[in-house]
Every structure is written in C-alpha cells, then in structure tokens.
Amino acid sequence: MDFAGLTGRGVRVAIIDSGVNPAHPHVGGIAGGVEITASGESDVYLDYLGHGTAVAGAIREKAPEALLFAVKVFDRALSTSIDKILRAIEWSIAQRVDIVNLSLGTANPAHREALEGVVARALEAGVALVAAQDSLPGCLDGVLAVGLDWDCPRDAYRCVVNGARPCFFASGYPRAIPGVPPERNLNGISFAVANMSGFAARARQMCGNGPPAALERALVDRVQI
C-alpha cells in the first residue's frame, strides 16, 4: 500500500462538524476544539449527533498519530449557517492546522463569493481544505475535491483528472461497528471526505509543509487503485 508506514504524525487536522466525543474508542482523544456559536465561541464541543465523532474515527483510523481538532458548527441537527462555516474555517486557519475536513457543503450560489474568499485565505496560509466535489466549497479551485465510490475499499482511493483538476474518490463507509451491518451505520459522501482526509494527513506527513498544491500532487502521484 502507498503511504505504508505513515501515520499522519504531527499533522494538524480540523474537523468542522457536529463536534467530537474524545472518549470514543475510535477517536482516542483529540488535541483541542471549539464550538462556533451564534454569538462567539465556546469550549464545549461535545458531539450530540455522532456524525463528527464517526468522521473523526475514520480519519484517526488512517492517520492514528494526527492531531485532531473538533470545530463544532452543528448541534442537535445537521444544519448550520454560512456564517458559522466561514468562522470555523477562519478559526482553523488561525490555529495553523494543515488540513480542514469539511464533511458538509451547500448548493446555494449566494455563498460562493464568501467561500471563495476564505478558500483563498486558507491557500495563502498553506491550509488544505477537503470537501465534496458536487457542492460548495468542494467545487472551488484550490479545494481537494472528493467523490463517493461505494465499491472502493476503505483502505484505498482512486483519482480521476478532469482537465487540470483531480477528483479523489473514496469509500462512503466509516469504521465498522461490531454487530452493525454497514448499510445501517452512518454512511455517504461525508465519510468519503473523511476517509480522504485521512489519506491526506499521511501525504502531508510525507511531503512536509509544502503548499496544498504539493499535497494534491502527492495524492495524485501515489494513487492507490
């Protein structure tokens, strides 16, 4: 397997989602976190939905020595505001993370300009954003675009290059829960993005502190299937 022996050691990954339960055995602790609230920030980032914890577990599986940061924008439902998402990305940039996992997106074109601005700031800071290809911000240049492939093994990914921009396809399943059939567990594009963020953490460890474009190139060059 490509990236064999790499663990994402020291790579800082922000997970913008519903928070994280650090005590979950698939997570094994995190490096820090924040809740982005309507009025400011809170240090209470516990996950009440399970989505962010499952995302963190998928990333941890592939990058067991990465430093994970919970950035909570969802509370009791998987819905939030564009303001919270923008502030969450800005918080992640300020924390000098290497990778931001965005297992979320919007189809609202009214948000495009604001998201283009924050993507540009992330790229300037050397922060790689990972998101679904079919929505904002994943469809924007400079974001690592991810597609869903139900047939892709969870320990691999594939890449398709359309024009100058690659898209990475990964499994839509999180880590297995004993006794729970895969189709009854959480699944979907959120976990394709999370699985790809785990691979990206390994690639970041390999290629060092280069720009996001170098990280993308490393993932293309070492495509696994």
C-alpha atoms as a PDB file:
ATOM      1  CA  MET A   1       0.000   0.000   0.000  1.00  0.00           C
ATOM      2  CA  ASP A   2       1.244   3.504  -0.760  1.00  0.00           C
ATOM      3  CA  PHE A   3       1.869   5.652   2.320  1.00  0.00           C
ATOM      4  CA  ALA A   4       2.722   2.422   4.165  1.00  0.00           C
ATOM      5  CA  GLY A   5       4.335   3.204   7.493  1.00  0.00           C
ATOM      6  CA  LEU A   6       2.980   6.761   7.555  1.00  0.00           C
ATOM      7  CA  THR A   7       0.632   7.664  10.396  1.00  0.00           C
ATOM      8  CA  GLY A   8      -0.041  11.366   9.907  1.00  0.00           C
ATOM      9  CA  ARG A   9       2.287  12.040  12.808  1.00  0.00           C
ATOM     10  CA  GLY A  10       2.082  15.671  13.908  1.00  0.00           C
ATOM     11  CA  VAL A  11      -0.304  16.674  11.110  1.00  0.00           C
ATOM     12  CA  ARG A  12      -2.988  19.036  12.431  1.00  0.00           C
ATOM     13  CA  VAL A  13      -6.493  18.218  11.148  1.00  0.00           C
ATOM     14  CA  ALA A  14      -9.562  20.349  11.898  1.00  0.00           C
ATOM     15  CA  ILE A  15     -12.917  18.571  11.699  1.00  0.00           C
ATOM     16  CA  ILE A  16     -15.706  21.078  11.046  1.00  0.00           C
ATOM     17  CA  ASP A  17     -18.782  19.116  12.013  1.00  0.00           C
ATOM     18  CA  SER A  18     -21.057  18.287  14.973  1.00  0.00           C
ATOM     19  CA  GLY A  19     -18.225  18.158  17.486  1.00  0.00           C
ATOM     20  CA  VAL A  20     -16.383  15.067  18.681  1.00  0.00           C
ATOM     21  CA  ASN A  21     -16.662  12.689  21.612  1.00  0.00           C
ATOM     22  CA  PRO A  22     -12.955  12.366  22.520  1.00  0.00           C
ATOM     23  CA  ALA A  23     -13.592   9.306  24.714  1.00  0.00           C
ATOM     24  CA  HIS A  24     -14.980   7.204  21.867  1.00  0.00           C
ATOM     25  CA  PRO A  25     -12.665   4.224  21.246  1.00  0.00           C
ATOM     26  CA  HIS A  26     -12.455   5.053  17.530  1.00  0.00           C
ATOM     27  CA  VAL A  27     -11.176   8.547  18.377  1.00  0.00           C
ATOM     28  CA  GLY A  28      -8.816   8.068  21.296  1.00  0.00           C
ATOM     29  CA  GLY A  29      -8.577  11.707  22.299  1.00  0.00           C
ATOM     30  CA  ILE A  30      -8.154  14.964  20.424  1.00  0.00           C
ATOM     31  CA  ALA A  31      -5.767  17.901  20.565  1.00  0.00           C
ATOM     32  CA  GLY A  32      -8.392  20.586  21.190  1.00  0.00           C
ATOM     33  CA  GLY A  33     -11.548  22.138  19.885  1.00  0.00           C
ATOM     34  CA  VAL A  34     -14.150  24.868  19.867  1.00  0.00           C
ATOM     35  CA  GLU A  35     -17.845  25.384  19.276  1.00  0.00           C
ATOM     36  CA  ILE A  36     -18.699  28.203  16.902  1.00  0.00           C
ATOM     37  CA  THR A  37     -21.857  29.766  18.290  1.00  0.00           C
ATOM     38  CA  ALA A  38     -24.165  32.495  17.022  1.00  0.00           C
ATOM     39  CA  SER A  39     -22.619  34.956  19.472  1.00  0.00           C
ATOM     40  CA  GLY A  40     -18.998  33.828  19.608  1.00  0.00           C
ATOM     41  CA  GLU A  41     -17.083  30.713  20.664  1.00  0.00           C
ATOM     42  CA  SER A  42     -17.370  28.071  23.371  1.00  0.00           C
ATOM     43  CA  ASP A  43     -15.041  25.328  24.550  1.00  0.00           C
ATOM     44  CA  VAL A  44     -17.961  22.859  24.796  1.00  0.00           C
ATOM     45  CA  TYR A  45     -17.589  20.835  21.597  1.00  0.00           C
ATOM     46  CA  LEU A  46     -19.161  17.515  22.656  1.00  0.00           C
ATOM     47  CA  ASP A  47     -20.947  15.698  19.833  1.00  0.00           C
ATOM     48  CA  TYR A  48     -24.679  15.041  20.365  1.00  0.00           C
ATOM     49  CA  LEU A  49     -25.306  13.612  16.893  1.00  0.00           C
ATOM     50  CA  GLY A  50     -22.469  11.126  16.409  1.00  0.00           C
ATOM     51  CA  HIS A  51     -21.640  12.411  12.919  1.00  0.00           C
ATOM     52  CA  GLY A  52     -18.497  14.327  13.813  1.00  0.00           C
ATOM     53  CA  THR A  53     -17.288  11.504  16.035  1.00  0.00           C
ATOM     54  CA  ALA A  54     -17.687   8.990  13.186  1.00  0.00           C
ATOM     55  CA  VAL A  55     -15.830  11.366  10.860  1.00  0.00           C
ATOM     56  CA  ALA A  56     -13.033  11.712  13.425  1.00  0.00           C
ATOM     57  CA  GLY A  57     -12.870   7.937  13.802  1.00  0.00           C
ATOM     58  CA  ALA A  58     -12.452   7.446  10.054  1.00  0.00           C
ATOM     59  CA  ILE A  59      -9.624   9.971   9.956  1.00  0.00           C
ATOM     60  CA  ARG A  60      -7.986   8.511  13.080  1.00  0.00           C
ATOM     61  CA  GLU A  61      -8.044   5.013  11.547  1.00  0.00           C
ATOM     62  CA  LYS A  62      -5.900   6.156   8.626  1.00  0.00           C
ATOM     63  CA  ALA A  63      -3.809   8.728  10.481  1.00  0.00           C
ATOM     64  CA  PRO A  64      -3.526   7.447  14.064  1.00  0.00           C
ATOM     65  CA  GLU A  65      -0.869   9.991  15.051  1.00  0.00           C
ATOM     66  CA  ALA A  66      -2.544  13.064  13.573  1.00  0.00           C
ATOM     67  CA  LEU A  67      -3.589  15.880  15.898  1.00  0.00           C
ATOM     68  CA  LEU A  68      -7.364  16.230  15.602  1.00  0.00           C
ATOM     69  CA  PHE A  69      -9.272  19.418  16.419  1.00  0.00           C
ATOM     70  CA  ALA A  70     -13.064  19.452  16.810  1.00  0.00           C
ATOM     71  CA  VAL A  71     -14.711  22.545  15.331  1.00  0.00           C
ATOM     72  CA  LYS A  72     -18.396  22.292  16.174  1.00  0.00           C
ATOM     73  CA  VAL A  73     -20.904  24.048  13.892  1.00  0.00           C
ATOM     74  CA  PHE A  74     -23.822  21.564  14.193  1.00  0.00           C
ATOM     75  CA  ASP A  75     -25.640  20.965  17.471  1.00  0.00           C
ATOM     76  CA  ARG A  76     -28.862  18.919  17.523  1.00  0.00           C
ATOM     77  CA  ALA A  77     -29.291  18.713  13.739  1.00  0.00           C
ATOM     78  CA  LEU A  78     -27.018  18.657  10.693  1.00  0.00           C
ATOM     79  CA  SER A  79     -27.845  22.221   9.737  1.00  0.00           C
ATOM     80  CA  THR A  80     -25.963  25.448  10.360  1.00  0.00           C
ATOM     81  CA  SER A  81     -25.357  28.906   8.905  1.00  0.00           C
ATOM     82  CA  ILE A  82     -22.827  30.026   6.332  1.00  0.00           C
ATOM     83  CA  ASP A  83     -21.506  32.491   8.913  1.00  0.00           C
ATOM     84  CA  LYS A  84     -20.602  29.649  11.287  1.00  0.00           C
ATOM     85  CA  ILE A  85     -18.897  27.687   8.494  1.00  0.00           C
ATOM     86  CA  LEU A  86     -16.834  30.702   7.445  1.00  0.00           C
ATOM     87  CA  ARG A  87     -15.854  31.428  11.050  1.00  0.00           C
ATOM     88  CA  ALA A  88     -14.985  27.769  11.593  1.00  0.00           C
ATOM     89  CA  ILE A  89     -12.606  27.806   8.632  1.00  0.00           C
ATOM     90  CA  GLU A  90     -11.078  31.086   9.841  1.00  0.00           C
ATOM     91  CA  TRP A  91     -10.605  29.564  13.326  1.00  0.00           C
ATOM     92  CA  SER A  92      -8.862  26.583  11.751  1.00  0.00           C
ATOM     93  CA  ILE A  93      -6.540  28.847   9.761  1.00  0.00           C
ATOM     94  CA  ALA A  94      -5.701  30.797  12.923  1.00  0.00           C
ATOM     95  CA  GLN A  95      -4.836  27.518  14.695  1.00  0.00           C
ATOM     96  CA  ARG A  96      -2.312  26.743  11.942  1.00  0.00           C
ATOM     97  CA  VAL A  97      -3.892  23.430  11.021  1.00  0.00           C
ATOM     98  CA  ASP A  98      -2.632  21.577   7.967  1.00  0.00           C
ATOM     99  CA  ILE A  99      -5.922  20.065   6.777  1.00  0.00           C
ATOM    100  CA  VAL A 100      -9.579  21.021   7.232  1.00  0.00           C
ATOM    101  CA  ASN A 101     -12.141  18.229   6.843  1.00  0.00           C
ATOM    102  CA  LEU A 102     -15.463  19.607   5.570  1.00  0.00           C
ATOM    103  CA  SER A 103     -17.968  16.740   5.543  1.00  0.00           C
ATOM    104  CA  LEU A 104     -20.600  19.316   4.648  1.00  0.00           C
ATOM    105  CA  GLY A 105     -21.495  21.630   1.799  1.00  0.00           C
ATOM    106  CA  THR A 106     -24.023  23.994   0.302  1.00  0.00           C
ATOM    107  CA  ALA A 107     -25.640  24.289  -3.112  1.00  0.00           C
ATOM    108  CA  ASN A 108     -26.604  27.926  -2.546  1.00  0.00           C
ATOM    109  CA  PRO A 109     -24.767  30.065  -5.152  1.00  0.00           C
ATOM    110  CA  ALA A 110     -25.232  33.129  -2.958  1.00  0.00           C
ATOM    111  CA  HIS A 111     -22.488  31.774  -0.694  1.00  0.00           C
ATOM    112  CA  ARG A 112     -19.928  31.297  -3.464  1.00  0.00           C
ATOM    113  CA  GLU A 113     -18.141  34.643  -3.162  1.00  0.00           C
ATOM    114  CA  ALA A 114     -17.683  34.395   0.605  1.00  0.00           C
ATOM    115  CA  LEU A 115     -16.418  30.834   0.332  1.00  0.00           C
ATOM    116  CA  GLU A 116     -14.021  31.783  -2.477  1.00  0.00           C
ATOM    117  CA  GLY A 117     -12.578  34.409  -0.152  1.00  0.00           C
ATOM    118  CA  VAL A 118     -11.987  32.047   2.756  1.00  0.00           C
ATOM    119  CA  VAL A 119     -10.577  29.366   0.434  1.00  0.00           C
ATOM    120  CA  ALA A 120      -8.087  31.920  -0.871  1.00  0.00           C
ATOM    121  CA  ARG A 121      -7.054  32.795   2.689  1.00  0.00           C
ATOM    122  CA  ALA A 122      -6.627  29.120   3.539  1.00  0.00           C
ATOM    123  CA  LEU A 123      -4.438  28.520   0.487  1.00  0.00           C
ATOM    124  CA  GLU A 124      -2.321  31.542   1.320  1.00  0.00           C
ATOM    125  CA  ALA A 125      -1.805  30.119   4.816  1.00  0.00           C
ATOM    126  CA  GLY A 126      -0.906  26.684   3.444  1.00  0.00           C
ATOM    127  CA  VAL A 127      -4.083  25.028   4.720  1.00  0.00           C
ATOM    128  CA  ALA A 128      -5.643  22.278   2.592  1.00  0.00           C
ATOM    129  CA  LEU A 129      -9.451  22.057   2.558  1.00  0.00           C
ATOM    130  CA  VAL A 130     -11.053  18.672   1.792  1.00  0.00           C
ATOM    131  CA  ALA A 131     -14.709  18.663   0.699  1.00  0.00           C
ATOM    132  CA  ALA A 132     -17.260  17.012  -1.607  1.00  0.00           C
ATOM    133  CA  GLN A 133     -16.837  17.824  -5.286  1.00  0.00           C
ATOM    134  CA  ASP A 134     -20.520  18.486  -6.055  1.00  0.00           C
ATOM    135  CA  SER A 135     -21.173  21.369  -3.658  1.00  0.00           C
ATOM    136  CA  LEU A 136     -19.560  24.491  -2.266  1.00  0.00           C
ATOM    137  CA  PRO A 137     -16.771  24.750  -1.254  1.00  0.00           C
ATOM    138  CA  GLY A 138     -15.626  21.423  -2.737  1.00  0.00           C
ATOM    139  CA  CYS A 139     -16.309  22.562  -6.302  1.00  0.00           C
ATOM    140  CA  LEU A 140     -13.962  25.551  -5.947  1.00  0.00           C
ATOM    141  CA  ASP A 141     -10.436  25.596  -7.312  1.00  0.00           C
ATOM    142  CA  GLY A 142      -7.864  25.003  -4.614  1.00  0.00           C
ATOM    143  CA  VAL A 143     -10.053  22.624  -2.579  1.00  0.00           C
ATOM    144  CA  LEU A 144      -9.256  18.891  -2.576  1.00  0.00           C
ATOM    145  CA  ALA A 145     -12.377  17.570  -4.298  1.00  0.00           C
ATOM    146  CA  VAL A 146     -13.830  14.235  -3.172  1.00  0.00           C
ATOM    147  CA  GLY A 147     -16.368  11.945  -4.809  1.00  0.00           C
ATOM    148  CA  LEU A 148     -18.189   8.906  -3.482  1.00  0.00           C
ATOM    149  CA  ASP A 149     -17.341   5.368  -4.639  1.00  0.00           C
ATOM    150  CA  TRP A 150     -19.318   2.658  -2.855  1.00  0.00           C
ATOM    151  CA  ASP A 151     -17.106  -0.047  -4.384  1.00  0.00           C
ATOM    152  CA  CYS A 152     -13.815   1.461  -3.296  1.00  0.00           C
ATOM    153  CA  PRO A 153     -12.140  -0.426  -0.424  1.00  0.00           C
ATOM    154  CA  ARG A 154     -11.864   1.682   2.719  1.00  0.00           C
ATOM    155  CA  ASP A 155      -8.078   1.347   2.729  1.00  0.00           C
ATOM    156  CA  ALA A 156      -7.698   2.831  -0.746  1.00  0.00           C
ATOM    157  CA  TYR A 157      -8.795   5.675  -3.003  1.00  0.00           C
ATOM    158  CA  ARG A 158      -8.780   6.437  -6.699  1.00  0.00           C
ATOM    159  CA  CYS A 159      -8.272   9.596  -8.706  1.00  0.00           C
ATOM    160  CA  VAL A 160      -9.852  10.987 -11.879  1.00  0.00           C
ATOM    161  CA  VAL A 161      -8.359  14.069 -13.519  1.00  0.00           C
ATOM    162  CA  ASN A 162     -10.825  16.248 -15.430  1.00  0.00           C
ATOM    163  CA  GLY A 163      -8.881  18.975 -17.172  1.00  0.00           C
ATOM    164  CA  ALA A 164      -6.323  20.309 -14.746  1.00  0.00           C
ATOM    165  CA  ARG A 165      -8.214  19.416 -11.581  1.00  0.00           C
ATOM    166  CA  PRO A 166      -8.168  15.968  -9.951  1.00  0.00           C
ATOM    167  CA  CYS A 167     -11.049  14.470  -8.017  1.00  0.00           C
ATOM    168  CA  PHE A 168     -10.393  11.800  -5.420  1.00  0.00           C
ATOM    169  CA  PHE A 169     -12.914   9.001  -4.919  1.00  0.00           C
ATOM    170  CA  ALA A 170     -13.156   7.097  -1.645  1.00  0.00           C
ATOM    171  CA  SER A 171     -15.477   4.772   0.244  1.00  0.00           C
ATOM    172  CA  GLY A 172     -18.624   6.215   1.783  1.00  0.00           C
ATOM    173  CA  TYR A 173     -18.409   3.972   4.841  1.00  0.00           C
ATOM    174  CA  PRO A 174     -16.924   4.948   8.220  1.00  0.00           C
ATOM    175  CA  ARG A 175     -15.198   2.495  10.545  1.00  0.00           C
ATOM    176  CA  ALA A 176     -17.257  -0.609  11.184  1.00  0.00           C
ATOM    177  CA  ILE A 177     -19.196  -1.010  14.410  1.00  0.00           C
ATOM    178  CA  PRO A 178     -19.256  -4.642  15.628  1.00  0.00           C
ATOM    179  CA  GLY A 179     -22.691  -6.181  15.146  1.00  0.00           C
ATOM    180  CA  VAL A 180     -23.984  -3.332  12.957  1.00  0.00           C
ATOM    181  CA  PRO A 181     -24.327  -4.023   9.195  1.00  0.00           C
ATOM    182  CA  PRO A 182     -22.541  -1.361   7.091  1.00  0.00           C
ATOM    183  CA  GLU A 183     -25.788  -0.225   5.467  1.00  0.00           C
ATOM    184  CA  ARG A 184     -27.286   0.524   8.900  1.00  0.00           C
ATOM    185  CA  ASN A 185     -24.287   2.521  10.067  1.00  0.00           C
ATOM    186  CA  LEU A 186     -23.765   6.178   9.130  1.00  0.00           C
ATOM    187  CA  ASN A 187     -22.585   6.372   5.530  1.00  0.00           C
ATOM    188  CA  GLY A 188     -22.377   8.636   2.495  1.00  0.00           C
ATOM    189  CA  ILE A 189     -20.244  11.391   0.993  1.00  0.00           C
ATOM    190  CA  SER A 190     -19.384  12.704   4.481  1.00  0.00           C
ATOM    191  CA  PHE A 191     -17.289   9.608   5.051  1.00  0.00           C
ATOM    192  CA  ALA A 192     -15.715   9.612   1.601  1.00  0.00           C
ATOM    193  CA  VAL A 193     -14.440  13.082   2.537  1.00  0.00           C
ATOM    194  CA  ALA A 194     -13.287  11.850   5.962  1.00  0.00           C
ATOM    195  CA  ASN A 195     -11.510   8.818   4.515  1.00  0.00           C
ATOM    196  CA  MET A 196      -9.757  11.088   2.025  1.00  0.00           C
ATOM    197  CA  SER A 197      -8.721  13.480   4.790  1.00  0.00           C
ATOM    198  CA  GLY A 198      -7.034  10.540   6.496  1.00  0.00           C
ATOM    199  CA  PHE A 199      -5.052   9.779   3.347  1.00  0.00           C
ATOM    200  CA  ALA A 200      -4.259  13.491   3.008  1.00  0.00           C
ATOM    201  CA  ALA A 201      -2.808  13.504   6.536  1.00  0.00           C
ATOM    202  CA  ARG A 202      -0.459  10.691   5.557  1.00  0.00           C
ATOM    203  CA  ALA A 203       0.520  12.556   2.400  1.00  0.00           C
ATOM    204  CA  ARG A 204       1.145  15.749   4.397  1.00  0.00           C
ATOM    205  CA  GLN A 205       3.487  13.839   6.689  1.00  0.00           C
ATOM    206  CA  MET A 206       5.341  12.583   3.622  1.00  0.00           C
ATOM    207  CA  CYS A 207       5.664  15.868   1.724  1.00  0.00           C
ATOM    208  CA  GLY A 208       6.163  18.202   4.676  1.00  0.00           C
ATOM    209  CA  ASN A 209       4.997  21.788   4.890  1.00  0.00           C
ATOM    210  CA  GLY A 210       4.586  22.481   1.201  1.00  0.00           C
ATOM    211  CA  PRO A 211       1.557  24.258  -0.283  1.00  0.00           C
ATOM    212  CA  PRO A 212      -1.790  22.476  -0.705  1.00  0.00           C
ATOM    213  CA  ALA A 213      -0.978  22.020  -4.401  1.00  0.00           C
ATOM    214  CA  ALA A 214       2.028  19.880  -3.432  1.00  0.00           C
ATOM    215  CA  LEU A 215      -0.193  17.791  -1.162  1.00  0.00           C
ATOM    216  CA  GLU A 216      -2.663  17.300  -4.006  1.00  0.00           C
ATOM    217  CA  ARG A 217       0.152  16.265  -6.341  1.00  0.00           C
ATOM    218  CA  ALA A 218       1.439  13.735  -3.792  1.00  0.00           C
ATOM    219  CA  LEU A 219      -2.044  12.199  -3.577  1.00  0.00           C
ATOM    220  CA  VAL A 220      -2.287  12.012  -7.368  1.00  0.00           C
ATOM    221  CA  ASP A 221       1.173  10.506  -7.760  1.00  0.00           C
ATOM    222  CA  ARG A 222       0.543   7.850  -5.121  1.00  0.00           C
ATOM    223  CA  VAL A 223      -2.994   6.926  -6.048  1.00  0.00           C
ATOM    224  CA  GLN A 224      -3.705   3.517  -4.594  1.00  0.00           C
ATOM    225  CA  ILE A 225      -6.068   1.825  -7.031  1.00  0.00           C
END
